PDB file of N, CA and C in Angstrom:
ATOM      1  N   MET A   1     105.805 -72.493 -37.376  1.00  0.00           N
ATOM      2  CA  MET A   1     105.199 -72.415 -36.624  1.00  0.00           C
ATOM      3  C   MET A   1     104.415 -71.210 -36.837  1.00  0.00           C
ATOM      4  N   GLU A   2     105.092 -70.311 -37.351  1.00  0.00           N
ATOM      5  CA  GLU A   2     104.625 -68.820 -37.574  1.00  0.00           C
ATOM      6  C   GLU A   2     103.542 -68.680 -38.685  1.00  0.00           C
ATOM      7  N   THR A   3     103.701 -69.668 -39.854  1.00  0.00           N
ATOM      8  CA  THR A   3     102.956 -69.558 -40.980  1.00  0.00           C
ATOM      9  C   THR A   3     101.852 -70.536 -40.702  1.00  0.00           C
ATOM     10  N   ILE A   4     101.671 -71.111 -39.651  1.00  0.00           N
ATOM     11  CA  ILE A   4     100.578 -71.786 -39.133  1.00  0.00           C
ATOM     12  C   ILE A   4      99.446 -70.488 -38.416  1.00  0.00           C
ATOM     13  N   LYS A   5     100.207 -70.254 -37.466  1.00  0.00           N
ATOM     14  CA  LYS A   5      99.459 -68.881 -36.826  1.00  0.00           C
ATOM     15  C   LYS A   5      98.865 -67.940 -37.955  1.00  0.00           C
ATOM     16  N   ASN A   6      99.658 -67.446 -38.819  1.00  0.00           N
ATOM     17  CA  ASN A   6      99.190 -66.451 -39.794  1.00  0.00           C
ATOM     18  C   ASN A   6      97.898 -67.433 -40.502  1.00  0.00           C
ATOM     19  N   THR A   7      98.167 -68.440 -41.076  1.00  0.00           N
ATOM     20  CA  THR A   7      97.070 -69.172 -41.390  1.00  0.00           C
ATOM     21  C   THR A   7      95.532 -69.182 -40.875  1.00  0.00           C
ATOM     22  N   VAL A   8      95.910 -69.522 -39.579  1.00  0.00           N
ATOM     23  CA  VAL A   8      94.756 -69.518 -38.512  1.00  0.00           C
ATOM     24  C   VAL A   8      94.292 -68.266 -38.740  1.00  0.00           C
ATOM     25  N   ASN A   9      94.915 -67.104 -38.362  1.00  0.00           N
ATOM     26  CA  ASN A   9      94.427 -65.688 -38.133  1.00  0.00           C
ATOM     27  C   ASN A   9      93.846 -65.374 -39.591  1.00  0.00           C
ATOM     28  N   TYR A  10      94.259 -65.826 -40.416  1.00  0.00           N
ATOM     29  CA  TYR A  10      94.033 -64.978 -41.726  1.00  0.00           C
ATOM     30  C   TYR A  10      92.275 -65.861 -41.885  1.00  0.00           C
ATOM     31  N   VAL A  11      92.376 -67.275 -41.408  1.00  0.00           N
ATOM     32  CA  VAL A  11      90.876 -67.904 -41.745  1.00  0.00           C
ATOM     33  C   VAL A  11      90.020 -67.220 -40.485  1.00  0.00           C
ATOM     34  N   ALA A  12      90.308 -66.823 -39.349  1.00  0.00           N
ATOM     35  CA  ALA A  12      89.439 -66.254 -38.380  1.00  0.00           C
ATOM     36  C   ALA A  12      89.208 -64.999 -38.857  1.00  0.00           C
ATOM     37  N   GLU A  13      89.945 -64.142 -39.317  1.00  0.00           N
ATOM     38  CA  GLU A  13      89.561 -62.686 -39.879  1.00  0.00           C
ATOM     39  C   GLU A  13      88.688 -62.874 -41.268  1.00  0.00           C
ATOM     40  N   SER A  14      88.919 -63.744 -41.962  1.00  0.00           N
ATOM     41  CA  SER A  14      87.988 -63.892 -43.097  1.00  0.00           C
ATOM     42  C   SER A  14      86.815 -64.558 -42.759  1.00  0.00           C
ATOM     43  N   VAL A  15      86.434 -65.160 -41.570  1.00  0.00           N
ATOM     44  CA  VAL A  15      85.021 -65.727 -41.170  1.00  0.00           C
ATOM     45  C   VAL A  15      84.563 -64.362 -40.410  1.00  0.00           C
ATOM     46  N   GLN A  16      85.264 -63.571 -39.656  1.00  0.00           N
ATOM     47  CA  GLN A  16      84.520 -62.410 -38.987  1.00  0.00           C
ATOM     48  C   GLN A  16      84.176 -61.397 -40.186  1.00  0.00           C
ATOM     49  N   GLY A  17      85.114 -61.562 -41.140  1.00  0.00           N
ATOM     50  CA  GLY A  17      84.997 -60.396 -42.280  1.00  0.00           C
ATOM     51  C   GLY A  17      83.514 -60.672 -42.722  1.00  0.00           C
ATOM     52  N   ALA A  18      83.193 -62.115 -43.098  1.00  0.00           N
ATOM     53  CA  ALA A  18      81.971 -62.372 -43.574  1.00  0.00           C
ATOM     54  C   ALA A  18      80.804 -62.540 -42.900  1.00  0.00           C
ATOM     55  N   GLY A  19      80.987 -62.370 -41.598  1.00  0.00           N
ATOM     56  CA  GLY A  19      79.966 -62.386 -40.612  1.00  0.00           C
ATOM     57  C   GLY A  19      79.651 -60.738 -40.678  1.00  0.00           C
ATOM     58  N   ALA A  20      80.264 -59.925 -40.681  1.00  0.00           N
ATOM     59  CA  ALA A  20      80.153 -58.318 -40.856  1.00  0.00           C
ATOM     60  C   ALA A  20      79.523 -58.087 -42.466  1.00  0.00           C
ATOM     61  N   THR A  21      79.850 -58.711 -43.299  1.00  0.00           N
ATOM     62  CA  THR A  21      79.175 -58.383 -44.624  1.00  0.00           C
ATOM     63  C   THR A  21      77.885 -59.127 -44.485  1.00  0.00           C
ATOM     64  N   ALA A  22      77.371 -60.373 -43.970  1.00  0.00           N
ATOM     65  CA  ALA A  22      76.186 -60.736 -43.966  1.00  0.00           C
ATOM     66  C   ALA A  22      75.385 -59.736 -43.114  1.00  0.00           C
ATOM     67  N   SER A  23      75.618 -59.408 -41.864  1.00  0.00           N
ATOM     68  CA  SER A  23      74.998 -58.450 -41.104  1.00  0.00           C
ATOM     69  C   SER A  23      74.918 -56.999 -41.823  1.00  0.00           C
ATOM     70  N   LYS A  24      75.575 -56.638 -42.541  1.00  0.00           N
ATOM     71  CA  LYS A  24      75.686 -55.095 -43.212  1.00  0.00           C
ATOM     72  C   LYS A  24      74.494 -55.170 -44.305  1.00  0.00           C
ATOM     73  N   GLU A  25      74.395 -56.300 -44.854  1.00  0.00           N
ATOM     74  CA  GLU A  25      73.417 -56.813 -46.037  1.00  0.00           C
ATOM     75  C   GLU A  25      71.999 -56.799 -45.191  1.00  0.00           C
ATOM     76  N   VAL A  26      71.757 -57.458 -44.061  1.00  0.00           N
ATOM     77  CA  VAL A  26      70.596 -57.324 -43.445  1.00  0.00           C
ATOM     78  C   VAL A  26      70.348 -56.129 -42.864  1.00  0.00           C
ATOM     79  N   ASN A  27      71.159 -55.303 -42.387  1.00  0.00           N
ATOM     80  CA  ASN A  27      71.038 -54.283 -41.876  1.00  0.00           C
ATOM     81  C   ASN A  27      70.524 -52.971 -43.044  1.00  0.00           C
ATOM     82  N   LYS A  28      70.949 -53.001 -43.999  1.00  0.00           N
ATOM     83  CA  LYS A  28      70.705 -52.536 -45.246  1.00  0.00           C
ATOM     84  C   LYS A  28      69.356 -52.723 -45.649  1.00  0.00           C
ATOM     85  N   GLU A  29      68.805 -53.853 -46.009  1.00  0.00           N
ATOM     86  CA  GLU A  29      67.344 -54.245 -46.349  1.00  0.00           C
ATOM     87  C   GLU A  29      66.624 -53.613 -45.306  1.00  0.00           C
ATOM     88  N   VAL A  30      66.924 -53.996 -43.802  1.00  0.00           N
ATOM     89  CA  VAL A  30      66.058 -53.385 -42.963  1.00  0.00           C
ATOM     90  C   VAL A  30      65.708 -51.630 -42.988  1.00  0.00           C
ATOM     91  N   ALA A  31      66.995 -51.006 -43.195  1.00  0.00           N
ATOM     92  CA  ALA A  31      66.888 -49.757 -43.422  1.00  0.00           C
ATOM     93  C   ALA A  31      66.277 -49.182 -44.678  1.00  0.00           C
ATOM     94  N   LYS A  32      65.965 -50.100 -45.915  1.00  0.00           N
ATOM     95  CA  LYS A  32      65.020 -49.905 -46.704  1.00  0.00           C
ATOM     96  C   LYS A  32      63.899 -50.179 -46.935  1.00  0.00           C
ATOM     97  N   ASP A  33      63.206 -50.997 -45.666  1.00  0.00           N
ATOM     98  CA  ASP A  33      61.958 -51.659 -45.342  1.00  0.00           C
ATOM     99  C   ASP A  33      61.144 -50.337 -45.213  1.00  0.00           C
ATOM    100  N   ASN A  34      59.966 -50.001 -45.908  1.00  0.00           N
ATOM    101  CA  ASN A  34      59.237 -49.038 -45.820  1.00  0.00           C
ATOM    102  C   ASN A  34      58.165 -49.300 -44.589  1.00  0.00           C
ATOM    103  N   ASN A  35      58.074 -50.794 -44.222  1.00  0.00           N
ATOM    104  CA  ASN A  35      57.132 -51.698 -43.214  1.00  0.00           C
ATOM    105  C   ASN A  35      57.695 -51.105 -41.687  1.00  0.00           C
ATOM    106  N   ALA A  36      58.686 -50.707 -41.718  1.00  0.00           N
ATOM    107  CA  ALA A  36      59.683 -50.677 -40.346  1.00  0.00           C
ATOM    108  C   ALA A  36      59.648 -49.311 -39.961  1.00  0.00           C
ATOM    109  N   ASP A  37      59.382 -48.968 -38.758  1.00  0.00           N
ATOM    110  CA  ASP A  37      59.357 -47.559 -38.183  1.00  0.00           C
ATOM    111  C   ASP A  37      60.481 -46.942 -38.235  1.00  0.00           C
ATOM    112  N   LEU A  38      60.624 -45.910 -38.367  1.00  0.00           N
ATOM    113  CA  LEU A  38      61.915 -44.767 -38.679  1.00  0.00           C
ATOM    114  C   LEU A  38      62.900 -44.917 -37.610  1.00  0.00           C
ATOM    115  N   THR A  39      62.554 -45.182 -36.647  1.00  0.00           N
ATOM    116  CA  THR A  39      63.734 -45.584 -35.856  1.00  0.00           C
ATOM    117  C   THR A  39      64.384 -46.701 -36.081  1.00  0.00           C
ATOM    118  N   THR A  40      63.672 -47.994 -36.237  1.00  0.00           N
ATOM    119  CA  THR A  40      64.434 -48.916 -36.704  1.00  0.00           C
ATOM    120  C   THR A  40      65.131 -48.840 -37.639  1.00  0.00           C
ATOM    121  N   ARG A  41      64.509 -48.060 -38.758  1.00  0.00           N
ATOM    122  CA  ARG A  41      65.363 -47.943 -40.132  1.00  0.00           C
ATOM    123  C   ARG A  41      66.542 -47.193 -39.967  1.00  0.00           C
ATOM    124  N   ALA A  42      66.573 -46.107 -38.946  1.00  0.00           N
ATOM    125  CA  ALA A  42      67.631 -45.251 -38.931  1.00  0.00           C
ATOM    126  C   ALA A  42      68.825 -46.074 -37.959  1.00  0.00           C
ATOM    127  N   THR A  43      68.191 -47.008 -37.121  1.00  0.00           N
ATOM    128  CA  THR A  43      69.432 -47.805 -36.477  1.00  0.00           C
ATOM    129  C   THR A  43      69.893 -48.604 -37.004  1.00  0.00           C
ATOM    130  N   ALA A  44      69.331 -49.145 -38.263  1.00  0.00           N
ATOM    131  CA  ALA A  44      69.825 -50.174 -38.999  1.00  0.00           C
ATOM    132  C   ALA A  44      70.614 -49.589 -40.126  1.00  0.00           C
ATOM    133  N   ALA A  45      70.275 -48.375 -40.533  1.00  0.00           N
ATOM    134  CA  ALA A  45      71.603 -47.743 -41.187  1.00  0.00           C
ATOM    135  C   ALA A  45      72.855 -47.311 -40.943  1.00  0.00           C
ATOM    136  N   LYS A  46      72.559 -47.052 -39.375  1.00  0.00           N
ATOM    137  CA  LYS A  46      73.684 -46.732 -38.673  1.00  0.00           C
ATOM    138  C   LYS A  46      74.700 -48.073 -38.389  1.00  0.00           C
ATOM    139  N   ASP A  47      73.950 -49.100 -38.095  1.00  0.00           N
ATOM    140  CA  ASP A  47      74.640 -50.365 -37.975  1.00  0.00           C
ATOM    141  C   ASP A  47      75.229 -50.564 -39.179  1.00  0.00           C
ATOM    142  N   ALA A  48      74.448 -50.680 -40.168  1.00  0.00           N
ATOM    143  CA  ALA A  48      75.173 -51.182 -41.653  1.00  0.00           C
ATOM    144  C   ALA A  48      76.295 -50.504 -41.786  1.00  0.00           C
ATOM    145  N   LEU A  49      76.337 -49.098 -41.382  1.00  0.00           N
ATOM    146  CA  LEU A  49      77.935 -48.308 -41.728  1.00  0.00           C
ATOM    147  C   LEU A  49      79.048 -48.935 -40.875  1.00  0.00           C
ATOM    148  N   PHE A  50      78.518 -49.327 -39.449  1.00  0.00           N
ATOM    149  CA  PHE A  50      79.283 -49.905 -38.503  1.00  0.00           C
ATOM    150  C   PHE A  50      79.895 -51.285 -38.962  1.00  0.00           C
ATOM    151  N   ASP A  51      78.984 -52.055 -39.661  1.00  0.00           N
ATOM    152  CA  ASP A  51      79.141 -53.521 -39.963  1.00  0.00           C
ATOM    153  C   ASP A  51      80.380 -53.468 -41.267  1.00  0.00           C
ATOM    154  N   LYS A  52      80.026 -52.259 -42.187  1.00  0.00           N
ATOM    155  CA  LYS A  52      80.877 -51.690 -43.309  1.00  0.00           C
ATOM    156  C   LYS A  52      82.522 -51.717 -42.819  1.00  0.00           C
ATOM    157  N   LYS A  53      82.563 -50.997 -41.680  1.00  0.00           N
ATOM    158  CA  LYS A  53      83.741 -50.545 -41.411  1.00  0.00           C
ATOM    159  C   LYS A  53      84.536 -51.717 -40.814  1.00  0.00           C
ATOM    160  N   ASP A  54      83.912 -52.854 -39.962  1.00  0.00           N
ATOM    161  CA  ASP A  54      84.259 -53.770 -39.511  1.00  0.00           C
ATOM    162  C   ASP A  54      84.974 -54.687 -40.483  1.00  0.00           C
ATOM    163  N   GLU A  55      83.747 -54.950 -41.619  1.00  0.00           N
ATOM    164  CA  GLU A  55      83.999 -55.757 -42.919  1.00  0.00           C
ATOM    165  C   GLU A  55      85.279 -55.324 -43.440  1.00  0.00           C
ATOM    166  N   GLN A  56      85.722 -53.949 -43.612  1.00  0.00           N
ATOM    167  CA  GLN A  56      86.843 -53.791 -44.018  1.00  0.00           C
ATOM    168  C   GLN A  56      87.977 -53.799 -43.466  1.00  0.00           C
ATOM    169  N   VAL A  57      87.800 -53.639 -41.953  1.00  0.00           N
ATOM    170  CA  VAL A  57      89.203 -53.992 -40.947  1.00  0.00           C
ATOM    171  C   VAL A  57      89.592 -55.622 -40.912  1.00  0.00           C
ATOM    172  N   HIS A  58      88.400 -56.164 -40.678  1.00  0.00           N
ATOM    173  CA  HIS A  58      88.601 -57.507 -41.012  1.00  0.00           C
ATOM    174  C   HIS A  58      89.178 -58.093 -42.173  1.00  0.00           C
ATOM    175  N   GLN A  59      88.866 -57.643 -43.267  1.00  0.00           N
ATOM    176  CA  GLN A  59      89.171 -58.231 -44.703  1.00  0.00           C
ATOM    177  C   GLN A  59      90.630 -57.411 -44.667  1.00  0.00           C
ATOM    178  N   THR A  60      91.361 -56.418 -44.019  1.00  0.00           N
ATOM    179  CA  THR A  60      92.585 -55.761 -43.987  1.00  0.00           C
ATOM    180  C   THR A  60      93.815 -56.750 -43.481  1.00  0.00           C
ATOM    181  N   LYS A  61      92.862 -57.140 -42.074  1.00  0.00           N
ATOM    182  CA  LYS A  61      93.850 -57.857 -41.241  1.00  0.00           C
ATOM    183  C   LYS A  61      93.941 -59.233 -42.093  1.00  0.00           C
ATOM    184  N   ALA A  62      92.941 -59.894 -42.556  1.00  0.00           N
ATOM    185  CA  ALA A  62      93.172 -61.035 -43.132  1.00  0.00           C
ATOM    186  C   ALA A  62      94.191 -61.114 -44.372  1.00  0.00           C
ATOM    187  N   ASP A  63      94.440 -60.113 -44.962  1.00  0.00           N
ATOM    188  CA  ASP A  63      95.194 -59.688 -45.986  1.00  0.00           C
ATOM    189  C   ASP A  63      96.648 -59.683 -45.842  1.00  0.00           C
ATOM    190  N   VAL A  64      96.527 -58.958 -44.409  1.00  0.00           N
ATOM    191  CA  VAL A  64      98.109 -58.977 -43.691  1.00  0.00           C
ATOM    192  C   VAL A  64      98.174 -60.373 -43.468  1.00  0.00           C
ATOM    193  N   HIS A  65      97.675 -60.994 -42.766  1.00  0.00           N
ATOM    194  CA  HIS A  65      97.991 -62.516 -42.389  1.00  0.00           C
ATOM    195  C   HIS A  65      98.270 -63.293 -43.432  1.00  0.00           C
ATOM    196  N   LYS A  66      97.517 -63.354 -44.573  1.00  0.00           N
ATOM    197  CA  LYS A  66      97.560 -64.345 -45.793  1.00  0.00           C
ATOM    198  C   LYS A  66      98.888 -63.967 -46.347  1.00  0.00           C
ATOM    199  N   GLU A  67      99.283 -62.546 -46.483  1.00  0.00           N
ATOM    200  CA  GLU A  67     100.723 -62.092 -47.032  1.00  0.00           C
ATOM    201  C   GLU A  67     101.722 -63.067 -46.208  1.00  0.00           C
ATOM    202  N   ALA A  68     101.443 -62.607 -44.657  1.00  0.00           N
ATOM    203  CA  ALA A  68     102.398 -63.238 -43.742  1.00  0.00           C
ATOM    204  C   ALA A  68     102.938 -64.541 -44.129  1.00  0.00           C
ATOM    205  N   ALA A  69     101.898 -65.368 -44.240  1.00  0.00           N
ATOM    206  CA  ALA A  69     101.993 -66.752 -44.228  1.00  0.00           C
ATOM    207  C   ALA A  69     102.469 -67.304 -45.629  1.00  0.00           C
ATOM    208  N   GLN A  70     102.178 -66.598 -46.677  1.00  0.00           N
ATOM    209  CA  GLN A  70     102.949 -67.130 -47.918  1.00  0.00           C
ATOM    210  C   GLN A  70     104.567 -66.722 -47.742  1.00  0.00           C
ATOM    211  N   HIS A  71     104.995 -66.012 -46.776  1.00  0.00           N
ATOM    212  CA  HIS A  71     106.740 -65.834 -46.786  1.00  0.00           C
ATOM    213  C   HIS A  71     107.249 -66.813 -45.826  1.00  0.00           C
TER     214      HIS A  71
END
């Protein structure tokens, strides 16, 4: 039963990590867009940093659940 929980948690964290990665990439593109105003670009850059942190947190959690599911 614990293996199933860890597998489900691994998948959930992996999906959330992928979402954070996608959001980070979009925000990076907006931050680079010369047609966007400065406030929008600055906000996108800040959001990209937070998305990167979220991406790393979810990946770490996914790795922990994956390891636990294998034991």
